[in-house]
Amino acid sequence: MKLQITHLTRYTYQEPVMDSINEVRLTPRSDDHQECSEHRILVKPEVPLFSYTDYFGNTVHHFTIPSPHHELTIESRSIVDTVETFKDMVHPIPYETETDILASDTFQNQYAEYLMETDFTRITPELRIFCAETVHTYKVKSIYHLLEQISNLLYSNLTYDTGATHVHTTVEETLRLKRGVCQDYAHLMIAICRLYNIPTRYVSGYQFIGDIHDDQTEEVQHASHAWIEAYVPIVGWIGFDPTNNGKINWRYVKIGHGRNYRDIVPVKGVYQGLGEQKLEVSVDVKVLMDDSKNKKII
């Protein structure tokens, strides 16, 4: 499927600001699931952009605006070809062998960065109690099956609520509130997976929902989305979306990954200036071509 993504970020400042230094992580990755065929970033005021690849392999654009300005807009435009990669999982090795691999020193050293706790994903006594009461490992057939169970568990036990949390919410707070947004679902699943020695990383991107909205007469409001990728022995990295209890398919476009949200913030920066700022963000995801029918949609 060919998808077009437009991501617009606009900062409006009460008083002029200057020396604005920014990092932007909005470039879709190319991998087995997707290929980014076109991408560009437009910044106003217009300044040169410099790019580099960060530690996790994400593309970062960096720019500085030295002159005074009242407004900053960052527009990312992408065209990405995605594929339907999900298939019923075949378990190449027994579950006991998988757990032995996960617990081995060699494996844990290789994936240490995705097994360590972070400020967002601490393994607390409350988390251990929650897992002991809800995650039943004696019933699972494989690590993949365990991941499905954890995703379904969070989908069933948490309430999606855009007003309950913020970008700094931790696993402890999410467990107490039993509600949150995609970022909170992802952080909680990462913490639980790490409790079971499963390397797990935070993924930032988009999900196309234009054709599954309840009221087709209303314009669909897309937004940035977050999910996780967990490492299954022998198989590799597999994506799960605990917010929707879904598998990663053609609807998902991946921007990047890291240990948690802090590693993959879409836009972040600092500036010199006083007064308040107003932030507006809009995301639009459209289907341009249905490859399965070889049909142009838009």
Protein backbone atom coordinates (compact mmCIF):
# COMPACT_ATOMS: atom_id res chain seq x y z
CA MET A 1 0.00 0.00 0.00
CA LYS A 2 1.27 3.47 -0.88
CA LEU A 3 0.66 5.97 1.94
CA GLN A 4 1.19 9.71 2.02
CA ILE A 5 1.95 11.31 5.39
CA THR A 6 1.96 15.01 6.19
CA HIS A 7 3.06 16.03 9.68
CA LEU A 8 2.86 19.75 10.54
CA THR A 9 4.26 21.26 13.74
CA ARG A 10 3.75 24.97 14.45
CA TYR A 11 5.13 26.97 17.37
CA THR A 12 3.76 30.48 17.91
CA TYR A 13 5.61 32.70 20.39
CA GLN A 14 4.12 35.55 22.39
CA GLU A 15 7.38 37.48 22.10
CA PRO A 16 10.13 37.13 19.47
CA VAL A 17 12.62 34.33 20.18
CA MET A 18 16.06 33.65 18.74
CA ASP A 19 18.86 31.08 18.69
CA SER A 20 16.30 28.30 18.25
CA ILE A 21 18.10 24.92 18.07
CA ASN A 22 16.03 21.92 17.01
CA GLU A 23 16.20 18.19 16.31
CA VAL A 24 13.58 16.51 14.13
CA ARG A 25 12.96 12.76 13.91
CA LEU A 26 10.25 12.47 11.28
CA THR A 27 11.89 10.48 8.48
CA PRO A 28 10.25 7.08 7.89
CA ARG A 29 12.65 4.15 7.98
CA SER A 30 13.06 1.63 5.18
CA ASP A 31 13.02 -2.04 6.22
CA ASP A 32 11.29 -5.35 5.45
CA HIS A 33 7.90 -3.84 6.31
CA GLN A 34 8.12 -0.55 4.41
CA GLU A 35 10.11 1.56 1.96
CA CYS A 36 10.24 5.35 2.11
CA SER A 37 10.30 6.50 -1.52
CA GLU A 38 9.96 10.24 -0.91
CA HIS A 39 10.60 12.48 2.07
CA ARG A 40 11.32 16.12 2.69
CA ILE A 41 11.18 18.57 5.58
CA LEU A 42 10.20 22.22 5.10
CA VAL A 43 11.11 24.74 7.81
CA LYS A 44 9.99 28.35 8.15
CA PRO A 45 11.88 30.61 8.70
CA GLU A 46 13.97 28.95 6.01
CA VAL A 47 17.38 27.77 7.24
CA PRO A 48 19.81 25.02 6.19
CA LEU A 49 19.08 21.51 7.50
CA PHE A 50 21.79 19.04 8.45
CA SER A 51 21.12 15.34 8.89
CA TYR A 52 22.78 12.46 10.72
CA THR A 53 21.95 8.97 11.93
CA ASP A 54 21.62 8.55 15.69
CA TYR A 55 22.73 5.59 17.83
CA PHE A 56 19.53 3.64 17.11
CA GLY A 57 19.70 4.13 13.35
CA ASN A 58 17.07 6.87 13.17
CA THR A 59 17.47 9.77 10.76
CA VAL A 60 17.75 13.11 12.56
CA HIS A 61 17.53 16.57 10.99
CA HIS A 62 19.17 19.40 12.89
CA PHE A 63 18.80 23.15 12.32
CA THR A 64 19.37 26.48 14.05
CA ILE A 65 17.46 29.76 13.60
CA PRO A 66 19.68 32.57 14.92
CA SER A 67 17.45 35.52 14.00
CA PRO A 68 14.37 36.70 15.97
CA HIS A 69 11.08 35.09 14.90
CA HIS A 70 7.47 34.91 16.13
CA GLU A 71 6.64 31.55 14.58
CA LEU A 72 8.33 28.28 13.66
CA THR A 73 6.72 25.71 11.36
CA ILE A 74 8.13 22.28 10.56
CA GLU A 75 6.36 20.29 7.86
CA SER A 76 7.33 16.71 7.07
CA ARG A 77 6.01 15.14 3.85
CA SER A 78 6.53 11.45 3.11
CA ILE A 79 5.41 8.75 0.71
CA VAL A 80 5.87 5.22 2.02
CA ASP A 81 5.13 1.82 0.48
CA THR A 82 4.02 -0.66 3.13
CA VAL A 83 3.39 -4.40 2.91
CA GLU A 84 1.15 -6.84 4.75
CA THR A 85 3.90 -8.67 6.64
CA PHE A 86 1.83 -10.38 9.33
CA LYS A 87 1.49 -14.12 9.06
CA ASP A 88 0.55 -16.82 11.54
CA MET A 89 3.70 -17.46 13.51
CA VAL A 90 5.42 -20.82 13.19
CA HIS A 91 7.36 -21.67 16.33
CA PRO A 92 10.75 -22.95 15.13
CA ILE A 93 11.92 -24.02 18.59
CA PRO A 94 10.22 -25.10 21.85
CA TYR A 95 9.19 -22.46 24.40
CA GLU A 96 11.66 -23.83 26.95
CA THR A 97 14.50 -23.39 24.47
CA GLU A 98 13.36 -19.82 23.78
CA THR A 99 13.43 -18.93 27.48
CA ASP A 100 16.89 -20.49 27.83
CA ILE A 101 18.14 -18.30 24.98
CA LEU A 102 16.62 -15.17 26.54
CA ALA A 103 18.24 -15.93 29.89
CA SER A 104 21.71 -16.66 28.49
CA ASP A 105 24.52 -14.20 29.24
CA THR A 106 25.48 -13.97 25.57
CA PHE A 107 21.97 -12.98 24.52
CA GLN A 108 21.48 -10.50 27.37
CA ASN A 109 24.78 -8.82 26.63
CA GLN A 110 23.92 -8.53 22.95
CA TYR A 111 20.56 -6.87 23.65
CA ALA A 112 21.42 -5.16 26.94
CA GLU A 113 20.18 -1.71 25.88
CA TYR A 114 16.66 -3.08 25.33
CA LEU A 115 16.63 -5.01 28.62
CA MET A 116 17.71 -2.29 31.05
CA GLU A 117 15.22 -0.19 33.00
CA THR A 118 14.72 3.47 32.14
CA ASP A 119 12.95 6.34 33.88
CA PHE A 120 9.84 5.51 31.87
CA THR A 121 9.98 1.72 32.30
CA ARG A 122 11.04 0.87 35.84
CA ILE A 123 10.33 -2.63 37.11
CA THR A 124 8.61 -1.78 40.40
CA PRO A 125 7.07 -4.03 43.08
CA GLU A 126 3.66 -2.93 41.80
CA LEU A 127 4.56 -4.08 38.29
CA ARG A 128 5.71 -7.46 39.58
CA ILE A 129 2.44 -7.91 41.47
CA PHE A 130 0.42 -6.88 38.41
CA CYS A 131 2.25 -9.43 36.24
CA ALA A 132 1.97 -12.19 38.88
CA GLU A 133 -1.80 -11.68 38.99
CA THR A 134 -2.43 -11.34 35.25
CA VAL A 135 0.35 -12.86 33.11
CA HIS A 136 0.12 -16.65 33.14
CA THR A 137 3.31 -18.02 31.59
CA TYR A 138 2.38 -21.63 32.30
CA LYS A 139 -0.31 -21.40 29.62
CA VAL A 140 1.82 -19.97 26.81
CA LYS A 141 3.12 -22.01 23.88
CA SER A 142 5.91 -19.65 22.79
CA ILE A 143 7.45 -16.23 23.38
CA TYR A 144 5.28 -14.94 20.54
CA HIS A 145 2.19 -16.31 22.31
CA LEU A 146 3.34 -14.62 25.54
CA LEU A 147 3.67 -11.30 23.73
CA GLU A 148 0.16 -11.69 22.33
CA GLN A 149 -1.09 -12.34 25.85
CA ILE A 150 0.63 -9.23 27.25
CA SER A 151 -0.73 -7.04 24.44
CA ASN A 152 -4.26 -8.33 24.99
CA LEU A 153 -3.87 -7.89 28.75
CA LEU A 154 -3.02 -4.19 28.45
CA TYR A 155 -5.75 -3.60 25.87
CA SER A 156 -8.29 -5.17 28.24
CA ASN A 157 -7.09 -3.59 31.50
CA LEU A 158 -6.34 0.00 30.45
CA THR A 159 -8.70 2.72 29.27
CA TYR A 160 -7.59 4.98 26.43
CA ASP A 161 -7.82 8.52 27.81
CA THR A 162 -6.07 11.50 26.21
CA GLY A 163 -6.51 13.65 29.30
CA ALA A 164 -5.16 11.31 31.96
CA THR A 165 -1.42 11.39 31.31
CA HIS A 166 1.38 13.49 29.80
CA VAL A 167 4.69 12.90 28.00
CA HIS A 168 6.54 12.31 31.28
CA THR A 169 4.13 9.69 32.70
CA THR A 170 5.88 6.62 34.12
CA VAL A 171 4.85 2.98 34.35
CA GLU A 172 4.03 3.44 38.05
CA GLU A 173 1.54 6.20 37.23
CA THR A 174 -0.03 4.28 34.34
CA LEU A 175 -0.57 1.23 36.56
CA ARG A 176 -2.18 3.39 39.22
CA LEU A 177 -4.43 5.25 36.79
CA LYS A 178 -5.23 2.22 34.59
CA ARG A 179 -5.57 4.66 31.70
CA GLY A 180 -3.42 6.56 29.26
CA VAL A 181 -2.49 6.97 25.59
CA CYS A 182 -0.42 4.93 23.13
CA GLN A 183 2.86 6.11 24.69
CA ASP A 184 1.75 4.76 28.09
CA TYR A 185 0.58 1.43 26.66
CA ALA A 186 3.93 1.04 24.91
CA HIS A 187 6.03 1.90 27.97
CA LEU A 188 4.05 -0.51 30.14
CA MET A 189 4.42 -3.36 27.66
CA ILE A 190 8.16 -2.66 27.39
CA ALA A 191 8.53 -2.87 31.19
CA ILE A 192 6.57 -6.13 31.37
CA CYS A 193 8.56 -7.70 28.53
CA ARG A 194 11.84 -6.77 30.18
CA LEU A 195 10.61 -8.49 33.33
CA TYR A 196 10.52 -11.69 31.24
CA ASN A 197 13.95 -11.08 29.63
CA ILE A 198 12.42 -10.13 26.26
CA PRO A 199 14.30 -7.28 24.54
CA THR A 200 11.71 -4.66 23.63
CA ARG A 201 11.95 -1.24 22.00
CA TYR A 202 9.67 1.77 21.69
CA VAL A 203 8.48 2.58 18.16
CA SER A 204 7.21 5.94 16.92
CA GLY A 205 5.21 6.36 13.73
CA TYR A 206 1.74 6.57 12.25
CA GLN A 207 -1.32 4.37 11.77
CA PHE A 208 -3.77 4.85 8.92
CA ILE A 209 -7.34 4.80 10.30
CA GLY A 210 -9.15 6.64 7.52
CA ASP A 211 -11.38 3.71 6.58
CA ILE A 212 -12.23 2.32 10.01
CA HIS A 213 -13.76 5.38 11.64
CA ASP A 214 -17.24 4.81 13.08
CA ASP A 215 -18.75 7.93 11.52
CA GLN A 216 -17.63 8.18 7.89
CA THR A 217 -19.23 11.64 7.61
CA GLU A 218 -16.65 13.13 10.00
CA GLU A 219 -13.11 13.94 9.00
CA VAL A 220 -10.66 11.52 10.61
CA GLN A 221 -8.07 13.15 12.86
CA HIS A 222 -4.81 11.25 12.53
CA ALA A 223 -1.97 11.63 15.01
CA SER A 224 1.45 10.26 15.77
CA HIS A 225 1.26 6.74 17.15
CA ALA A 226 3.46 4.50 19.30
CA TRP A 227 3.81 0.74 19.62
CA ILE A 228 6.54 -1.76 20.47
CA GLU A 229 8.85 -4.25 18.82
CA ALA A 230 9.95 -7.29 20.80
CA TYR A 231 12.71 -9.73 19.93
CA VAL A 232 11.60 -13.35 19.46
CA PRO A 233 14.52 -15.83 19.43
CA ILE A 234 15.36 -17.13 15.95
CA VAL A 235 12.46 -15.12 14.42
CA GLY A 236 13.70 -11.55 15.14
CA TRP A 237 11.92 -8.27 15.89
CA ILE A 238 8.11 -8.45 15.85
CA GLY A 239 5.76 -5.48 16.24
CA PHE A 240 2.75 -5.30 18.57
CA ASP A 241 0.28 -2.47 19.17
CA PRO A 242 -1.12 -2.89 22.71
CA THR A 243 -3.27 0.25 22.37
CA ASN A 244 -5.37 -1.49 19.71
CA ASN A 245 -4.34 -5.09 20.51
CA GLY A 246 -3.23 -5.40 16.90
CA LYS A 247 -0.43 -6.75 14.77
CA ILE A 248 1.70 -4.40 12.68
CA ASN A 249 0.39 -4.47 9.10
CA TRP A 250 0.20 -2.15 6.08
CA ARG A 251 -1.58 0.52 8.15
CA TYR A 252 1.55 1.27 10.18
CA VAL A 253 4.43 3.53 9.13
CA LYS A 254 7.50 3.42 11.34
CA ILE A 255 9.56 6.55 11.93
CA GLY A 256 12.08 5.13 14.38
CA HIS A 257 12.76 3.26 17.59
CA GLY A 258 14.62 3.57 20.86
CA ARG A 259 14.47 2.49 24.48
CA ASN A 260 11.54 4.80 25.27
CA TYR A 261 9.79 7.97 24.11
CA ARG A 262 12.72 10.18 25.06
CA ASP A 263 14.95 8.50 22.44
CA ILE A 264 12.55 9.19 19.57
CA VAL A 265 10.83 12.53 20.30
CA PRO A 266 9.54 13.77 16.89
CA VAL A 267 10.48 17.42 17.45
CA LYS A 268 12.49 18.90 20.29
CA GLY A 269 14.47 22.07 20.75
CA VAL A 270 15.51 25.04 22.84
CA TYR A 271 15.49 28.78 22.25
CA GLN A 272 16.24 32.13 23.88
CA GLY A 273 13.24 34.27 24.67
CA LEU A 274 10.51 35.17 27.13
CA GLY A 275 6.77 34.81 27.05
CA GLU A 276 4.46 31.90 26.36
CA GLN A 277 4.47 29.62 23.34
CA LYS A 278 1.59 27.86 21.60
CA LEU A 279 2.05 24.46 19.97
CA GLU A 280 -0.15 23.08 17.18
CA VAL A 281 0.38 19.65 15.63
CA SER A 282 -1.59 18.10 12.77
CA VAL A 283 -1.09 14.76 11.02
CA ASP A 284 -2.70 13.53 7.82
CA VAL A 285 -2.32 9.99 6.46
CA LYS A 286 -3.80 9.08 3.07
CA VAL A 287 -3.82 6.00 0.86
CA LEU A 288 -2.46 6.86 -2.60
CA MET A 289 -2.40 3.37 -4.09
CA ASP A 290 -3.83 -0.02 -3.15
CA ASP A 291 -1.14 -2.37 -4.43
CA SER A 292 -3.30 -5.46 -3.92
CA LYS A 293 -5.80 -4.11 -6.46
CA ASN A 294 -3.30 -2.03 -8.44
CA LYS A 295 -5.73 0.83 -8.00
CA LYS A 296 -5.00 4.49 -7.48
CA ILE A 297 -7.09 5.87 -4.59
CA ILE A 298 -6.21 9.56 -4.57
